[in-house]
Amino acid sequence: MFLGGFIEALWPCLMKLSGGMSDMVYTVLALFFSIIATLALNMGLRRGLPVGASYAVWIGLGVAGTALADVLFFDSALPVLGYFFLALIFGGVAGMNLETDRAPASEA
């Protein structure tokens, strides 16, 4: 699930590099990694992980990772309060993961 979340952060960065889908190499790579990220989410769900927590971890890592990549690689500015909210996303992802691990398995 975590690998899928990190890949979920990769494809938007590749899409930015594609220049509005005008560079086909970056466009194809972005589409490829978006499919890989979705397949990673699917693998977690097939192993019995709860969909709500899995999606929260997957998309939370994608959002936070993309925001960090924007600051680190694309020279975008993030205000001080933005880092606080980014930390809240990471904290929420960690909290969802911990609570999911502690929750008793429901019988379906």
N, C-alpha and C. Protein backbone atom coordinates (compact mmCIF):
# COMPACT_ATOMS: atom_id res chain seq x y z
N MET A 1 0.82 -1.19 0.00
CA MET A 1 0.00 0.00 0.00
C MET A 1 0.87 1.26 0.00
N PHE A 2 1.95 1.23 0.79
CA PHE A 2 2.82 2.41 0.86
C PHE A 2 3.53 2.65 -0.47
N LEU A 3 3.98 1.59 -1.10
CA LEU A 3 4.63 1.74 -2.41
C LEU A 3 3.65 2.36 -3.41
N GLY A 4 2.41 1.90 -3.38
CA GLY A 4 1.39 2.47 -4.26
C GLY A 4 1.16 3.94 -3.99
N GLY A 5 1.20 4.33 -2.71
CA GLY A 5 1.05 5.75 -2.35
C GLY A 5 2.18 6.60 -2.88
N PHE A 6 3.40 6.06 -2.83
CA PHE A 6 4.53 6.82 -3.35
C PHE A 6 4.48 6.91 -4.87
N ILE A 7 4.04 5.84 -5.51
CA ILE A 7 3.87 5.89 -6.97
C ILE A 7 2.74 6.85 -7.33
N GLU A 8 1.74 6.92 -6.46
CA GLU A 8 0.64 7.87 -6.67
C GLU A 8 1.15 9.31 -6.65
N ALA A 9 2.26 9.56 -5.96
CA ALA A 9 2.87 10.88 -5.95
C ALA A 9 3.75 11.11 -7.17
N LEU A 10 4.21 10.04 -7.79
CA LEU A 10 5.12 10.15 -8.93
C LEU A 10 4.43 10.59 -10.21
N TRP A 11 3.28 10.01 -10.49
CA TRP A 11 2.69 10.28 -11.81
C TRP A 11 2.24 11.73 -12.00
N PRO A 12 1.75 12.45 -10.98
CA PRO A 12 1.44 13.86 -11.22
C PRO A 12 2.69 14.69 -11.55
N CYS A 13 3.82 14.31 -10.95
CA CYS A 13 5.08 15.00 -11.25
C CYS A 13 5.47 14.77 -12.71
N LEU A 14 5.30 13.54 -13.16
CA LEU A 14 5.58 13.24 -14.56
C LEU A 14 4.61 13.98 -15.49
N MET A 15 3.36 14.11 -15.04
CA MET A 15 2.39 14.85 -15.85
C MET A 15 2.79 16.31 -15.96
N LYS A 16 3.32 16.88 -14.87
CA LYS A 16 3.80 18.26 -14.94
C LYS A 16 4.94 18.39 -15.94
N LEU A 17 5.85 17.41 -15.91
CA LEU A 17 6.97 17.43 -16.86
C LEU A 17 6.53 17.24 -18.30
N SER A 18 5.34 16.70 -18.49
CA SER A 18 4.85 16.45 -19.85
C SER A 18 4.45 17.74 -20.57
N GLY A 19 4.37 18.84 -19.83
CA GLY A 19 4.03 20.12 -20.46
C GLY A 19 2.64 20.13 -21.08
N GLY A 20 1.66 19.73 -20.30
CA GLY A 20 0.30 19.70 -20.82
C GLY A 20 0.08 18.58 -21.82
N MET A 21 0.75 17.47 -21.59
CA MET A 21 0.69 16.28 -22.44
C MET A 21 1.28 16.51 -23.83
N SER A 22 2.17 17.48 -23.94
CA SER A 22 2.81 17.72 -25.23
C SER A 22 4.09 16.90 -25.41
N ASP A 23 4.69 16.45 -24.32
CA ASP A 23 5.85 15.57 -24.39
C ASP A 23 5.34 14.15 -24.17
N MET A 24 5.34 13.36 -25.23
CA MET A 24 4.73 12.04 -25.16
C MET A 24 5.46 11.07 -24.23
N VAL A 25 6.77 11.23 -24.07
CA VAL A 25 7.51 10.33 -23.19
C VAL A 25 7.01 10.49 -21.76
N TYR A 26 6.94 11.72 -21.26
CA TYR A 26 6.47 11.96 -19.90
C TYR A 26 4.98 11.63 -19.78
N THR A 27 4.21 11.89 -20.81
CA THR A 27 2.78 11.57 -20.77
C THR A 27 2.57 10.07 -20.63
N VAL A 28 3.27 9.29 -21.42
CA VAL A 28 3.13 7.83 -21.36
C VAL A 28 3.62 7.30 -20.02
N LEU A 29 4.73 7.84 -19.52
CA LEU A 29 5.23 7.42 -18.20
C LEU A 29 4.22 7.76 -17.10
N ALA A 30 3.61 8.93 -17.18
CA ALA A 30 2.61 9.33 -16.18
C ALA A 30 1.42 8.38 -16.22
N LEU A 31 0.93 8.07 -17.39
CA LEU A 31 -0.20 7.15 -17.50
C LEU A 31 0.18 5.75 -17.01
N PHE A 32 1.38 5.31 -17.35
CA PHE A 32 1.85 4.00 -16.90
C PHE A 32 1.89 3.93 -15.37
N PHE A 33 2.49 4.95 -14.74
CA PHE A 33 2.61 4.92 -13.29
C PHE A 33 1.27 5.13 -12.59
N SER A 34 0.33 5.83 -13.23
CA SER A 34 -1.00 5.95 -12.62
C SER A 34 -1.69 4.59 -12.60
N ILE A 35 -1.48 3.80 -13.63
CA ILE A 35 -2.04 2.44 -13.65
C ILE A 35 -1.36 1.57 -12.61
N ILE A 36 -0.04 1.67 -12.50
CA ILE A 36 0.71 0.89 -11.51
C ILE A 36 0.25 1.25 -10.09
N ALA A 37 0.04 2.53 -9.82
CA ALA A 37 -0.41 2.96 -8.50
C ALA A 37 -1.79 2.38 -8.19
N THR A 38 -2.67 2.37 -9.17
CA THR A 38 -4.01 1.81 -8.98
C THR A 38 -3.94 0.31 -8.75
N LEU A 39 -3.07 -0.36 -9.48
CA LEU A 39 -2.90 -1.80 -9.28
C LEU A 39 -2.34 -2.10 -7.89
N ALA A 40 -1.47 -1.24 -7.38
CA ALA A 40 -0.94 -1.43 -6.03
C ALA A 40 -2.05 -1.30 -4.99
N LEU A 41 -2.94 -0.33 -5.18
CA LEU A 41 -4.09 -0.20 -4.29
C LEU A 41 -4.94 -1.46 -4.36
N ASN A 42 -5.18 -1.94 -5.56
CA ASN A 42 -5.98 -3.15 -5.76
C ASN A 42 -5.34 -4.36 -5.07
N MET A 43 -4.02 -4.46 -5.11
CA MET A 43 -3.34 -5.58 -4.45
C MET A 43 -3.59 -5.56 -2.94
N GLY A 44 -3.55 -4.39 -2.36
CA GLY A 44 -3.84 -4.28 -0.93
C GLY A 44 -5.27 -4.67 -0.61
N LEU A 45 -6.20 -4.25 -1.45
CA LEU A 45 -7.60 -4.59 -1.23
C LEU A 45 -7.84 -6.09 -1.39
N ARG A 46 -7.17 -6.70 -2.34
CA ARG A 46 -7.32 -8.14 -2.56
C ARG A 46 -6.75 -8.95 -1.39
N ARG A 47 -5.83 -8.37 -0.65
CA ARG A 47 -5.26 -9.04 0.52
C ARG A 47 -6.12 -8.84 1.76
N GLY A 48 -7.24 -8.19 1.59
CA GLY A 48 -8.19 -8.05 2.69
C GLY A 48 -8.10 -6.77 3.47
N LEU A 49 -7.31 -5.80 3.03
CA LEU A 49 -7.24 -4.53 3.74
C LEU A 49 -8.56 -3.78 3.57
N PRO A 50 -8.98 -3.05 4.58
CA PRO A 50 -10.24 -2.29 4.47
C PRO A 50 -10.10 -1.16 3.45
N VAL A 51 -11.13 -0.97 2.66
CA VAL A 51 -11.06 -0.02 1.56
C VAL A 51 -10.89 1.42 2.06
N GLY A 52 -11.57 1.80 3.11
CA GLY A 52 -11.49 3.18 3.59
C GLY A 52 -10.09 3.56 4.05
N ALA A 53 -9.53 2.74 4.89
CA ALA A 53 -8.18 3.01 5.40
C ALA A 53 -7.15 2.89 4.28
N SER A 54 -7.32 1.90 3.42
CA SER A 54 -6.37 1.71 2.31
C SER A 54 -6.36 2.92 1.39
N TYR A 55 -7.54 3.39 1.05
CA TYR A 55 -7.62 4.54 0.16
C TYR A 55 -7.06 5.79 0.85
N ALA A 56 -7.33 5.94 2.14
CA ALA A 56 -6.81 7.10 2.88
C ALA A 56 -5.28 7.10 2.89
N VAL A 57 -4.68 5.95 3.13
CA VAL A 57 -3.22 5.85 3.12
C VAL A 57 -2.69 6.11 1.72
N TRP A 58 -3.29 5.49 0.74
CA TRP A 58 -2.84 5.59 -0.65
C TRP A 58 -2.91 7.04 -1.15
N ILE A 59 -4.04 7.66 -1.00
CA ILE A 59 -4.21 9.02 -1.53
C ILE A 59 -3.50 10.04 -0.63
N GLY A 60 -3.44 9.78 0.68
CA GLY A 60 -2.73 10.69 1.57
C GLY A 60 -1.25 10.77 1.24
N LEU A 61 -0.64 9.61 1.02
CA LEU A 61 0.77 9.60 0.62
C LEU A 61 0.95 10.24 -0.75
N GLY A 62 -0.01 10.03 -1.63
CA GLY A 62 0.07 10.65 -2.96
C GLY A 62 0.00 12.17 -2.88
N VAL A 63 -0.93 12.68 -2.11
CA VAL A 63 -1.09 14.14 -1.96
C VAL A 63 0.14 14.75 -1.29
N ALA A 64 0.53 14.17 -0.17
CA ALA A 64 1.67 14.73 0.57
C ALA A 64 2.97 14.60 -0.22
N GLY A 65 3.15 13.46 -0.86
CA GLY A 65 4.35 13.26 -1.67
C GLY A 65 4.42 14.20 -2.85
N THR A 66 3.29 14.44 -3.49
CA THR A 66 3.24 15.37 -4.61
C THR A 66 3.54 16.79 -4.15
N ALA A 67 2.99 17.17 -3.01
CA ALA A 67 3.25 18.51 -2.47
C ALA A 67 4.74 18.69 -2.14
N LEU A 68 5.34 17.67 -1.53
CA LEU A 68 6.78 17.75 -1.23
C LEU A 68 7.62 17.79 -2.50
N ALA A 69 7.26 16.98 -3.48
CA ALA A 69 7.99 16.98 -4.75
C ALA A 69 7.87 18.34 -5.43
N ASP A 70 6.71 18.96 -5.31
CA ASP A 70 6.51 20.29 -5.91
C ASP A 70 7.48 21.29 -5.31
N VAL A 71 7.66 21.22 -4.00
CA VAL A 71 8.59 22.13 -3.31
C VAL A 71 10.04 21.79 -3.66
N LEU A 72 10.38 20.50 -3.62
CA LEU A 72 11.77 20.09 -3.79
C LEU A 72 12.26 20.14 -5.24
N PHE A 73 11.41 19.76 -6.17
CA PHE A 73 11.87 19.60 -7.56
C PHE A 73 11.35 20.66 -8.52
N PHE A 74 10.25 21.31 -8.17
CA PHE A 74 9.67 22.28 -9.09
C PHE A 74 9.72 23.70 -8.55
N ASP A 75 10.48 23.90 -7.48
CA ASP A 75 10.73 25.22 -6.89
C ASP A 75 9.45 26.00 -6.56
N SER A 76 8.44 25.29 -6.14
CA SER A 76 7.22 25.97 -5.68
C SER A 76 7.39 26.34 -4.22
N ALA A 77 6.84 27.45 -3.86
CA ALA A 77 6.92 27.90 -2.47
C ALA A 77 5.75 27.34 -1.68
N LEU A 78 6.02 26.96 -0.46
CA LEU A 78 4.98 26.49 0.45
C LEU A 78 5.08 27.34 1.71
N PRO A 79 4.01 28.02 2.08
CA PRO A 79 4.09 28.85 3.28
C PRO A 79 4.30 27.98 4.52
N VAL A 80 4.75 28.61 5.60
CA VAL A 80 5.05 27.89 6.83
C VAL A 80 3.83 27.09 7.28
N LEU A 81 2.66 27.67 7.22
CA LEU A 81 1.45 26.97 7.63
C LEU A 81 1.18 25.77 6.71
N GLY A 82 1.63 25.85 5.47
CA GLY A 82 1.49 24.73 4.54
C GLY A 82 2.23 23.50 5.02
N TYR A 83 3.41 23.69 5.60
CA TYR A 83 4.16 22.56 6.15
C TYR A 83 3.43 21.92 7.33
N PHE A 84 2.75 22.75 8.10
CA PHE A 84 1.94 22.22 9.21
C PHE A 84 0.84 21.32 8.67
N PHE A 85 0.14 21.79 7.64
CA PHE A 85 -0.94 20.99 7.09
C PHE A 85 -0.42 19.74 6.38
N LEU A 86 0.75 19.84 5.79
CA LEU A 86 1.39 18.67 5.19
C LEU A 86 1.71 17.64 6.28
N ALA A 87 2.18 18.11 7.42
CA ALA A 87 2.45 17.21 8.55
C ALA A 87 1.16 16.57 9.05
N LEU A 88 0.06 17.32 9.01
CA LEU A 88 -1.24 16.74 9.40
C LEU A 88 -1.64 15.60 8.47
N ILE A 89 -1.36 15.76 7.17
CA ILE A 89 -1.67 14.67 6.23
C ILE A 89 -0.87 13.44 6.58
N PHE A 90 0.45 13.60 6.78
CA PHE A 90 1.29 12.46 7.15
C PHE A 90 0.82 11.85 8.47
N GLY A 91 0.47 12.69 9.42
CA GLY A 91 -0.04 12.19 10.70
C GLY A 91 -1.34 11.42 10.54
N GLY A 92 -2.21 11.91 9.67
CA GLY A 92 -3.46 11.22 9.40
C GLY A 92 -3.24 9.87 8.73
N VAL A 93 -2.30 9.82 7.80
CA VAL A 93 -1.97 8.55 7.14
C VAL A 93 -1.44 7.56 8.18
N ALA A 94 -0.52 8.02 9.02
CA ALA A 94 0.03 7.13 10.05
C ALA A 94 -1.06 6.69 11.02
N GLY A 95 -1.92 7.61 11.42
CA GLY A 95 -3.01 7.27 12.34
C GLY A 95 -3.98 6.27 11.75
N MET A 96 -4.35 6.46 10.49
CA MET A 96 -5.25 5.51 9.83
C MET A 96 -4.60 4.13 9.77
N ASN A 97 -3.32 4.10 9.48
CA ASN A 97 -2.61 2.82 9.39
C ASN A 97 -2.57 2.14 10.76
N LEU A 98 -2.27 2.90 11.80
CA LEU A 98 -2.20 2.31 13.14
C LEU A 98 -3.56 1.83 13.62
N GLU A 99 -4.59 2.61 13.39
CA GLU A 99 -5.92 2.22 13.83
C GLU A 99 -6.44 1.02 13.04
N THR A 100 -6.10 0.94 11.77
CA THR A 100 -6.52 -0.21 10.97
C THR A 100 -5.85 -1.47 11.48
N ASP A 101 -4.57 -1.34 11.86
CA ASP A 101 -3.85 -2.50 12.39
C ASP A 101 -4.45 -2.98 13.71
N ARG A 102 -4.98 -2.07 14.50
CA ARG A 102 -5.52 -2.42 15.81
C ARG A 102 -6.96 -2.90 15.75
N ALA A 103 -7.70 -2.51 14.72
CA ALA A 103 -9.12 -2.83 14.64
C ALA A 103 -9.33 -4.32 14.44
N PRO A 104 -10.32 -4.90 15.12
CA PRO A 104 -10.59 -6.32 14.90
C PRO A 104 -11.13 -6.54 13.49
N ALA A 105 -10.79 -7.65 12.90
CA ALA A 105 -11.26 -7.97 11.56
C ALA A 105 -12.74 -8.28 11.61
N SER A 106 -13.49 -7.64 10.74
CA SER A 106 -14.93 -7.91 10.70
C SER A 106 -15.18 -9.13 9.82
N GLU A 107 -16.20 -9.83 10.16
CA GLU A 107 -16.51 -11.02 9.38
C GLU A 107 -17.50 -10.64 8.30
N ALA A 108 -17.15 -10.98 7.08
CA ALA A 108 -18.01 -10.62 5.95
C ALA A 108 -18.82 -11.81 5.51
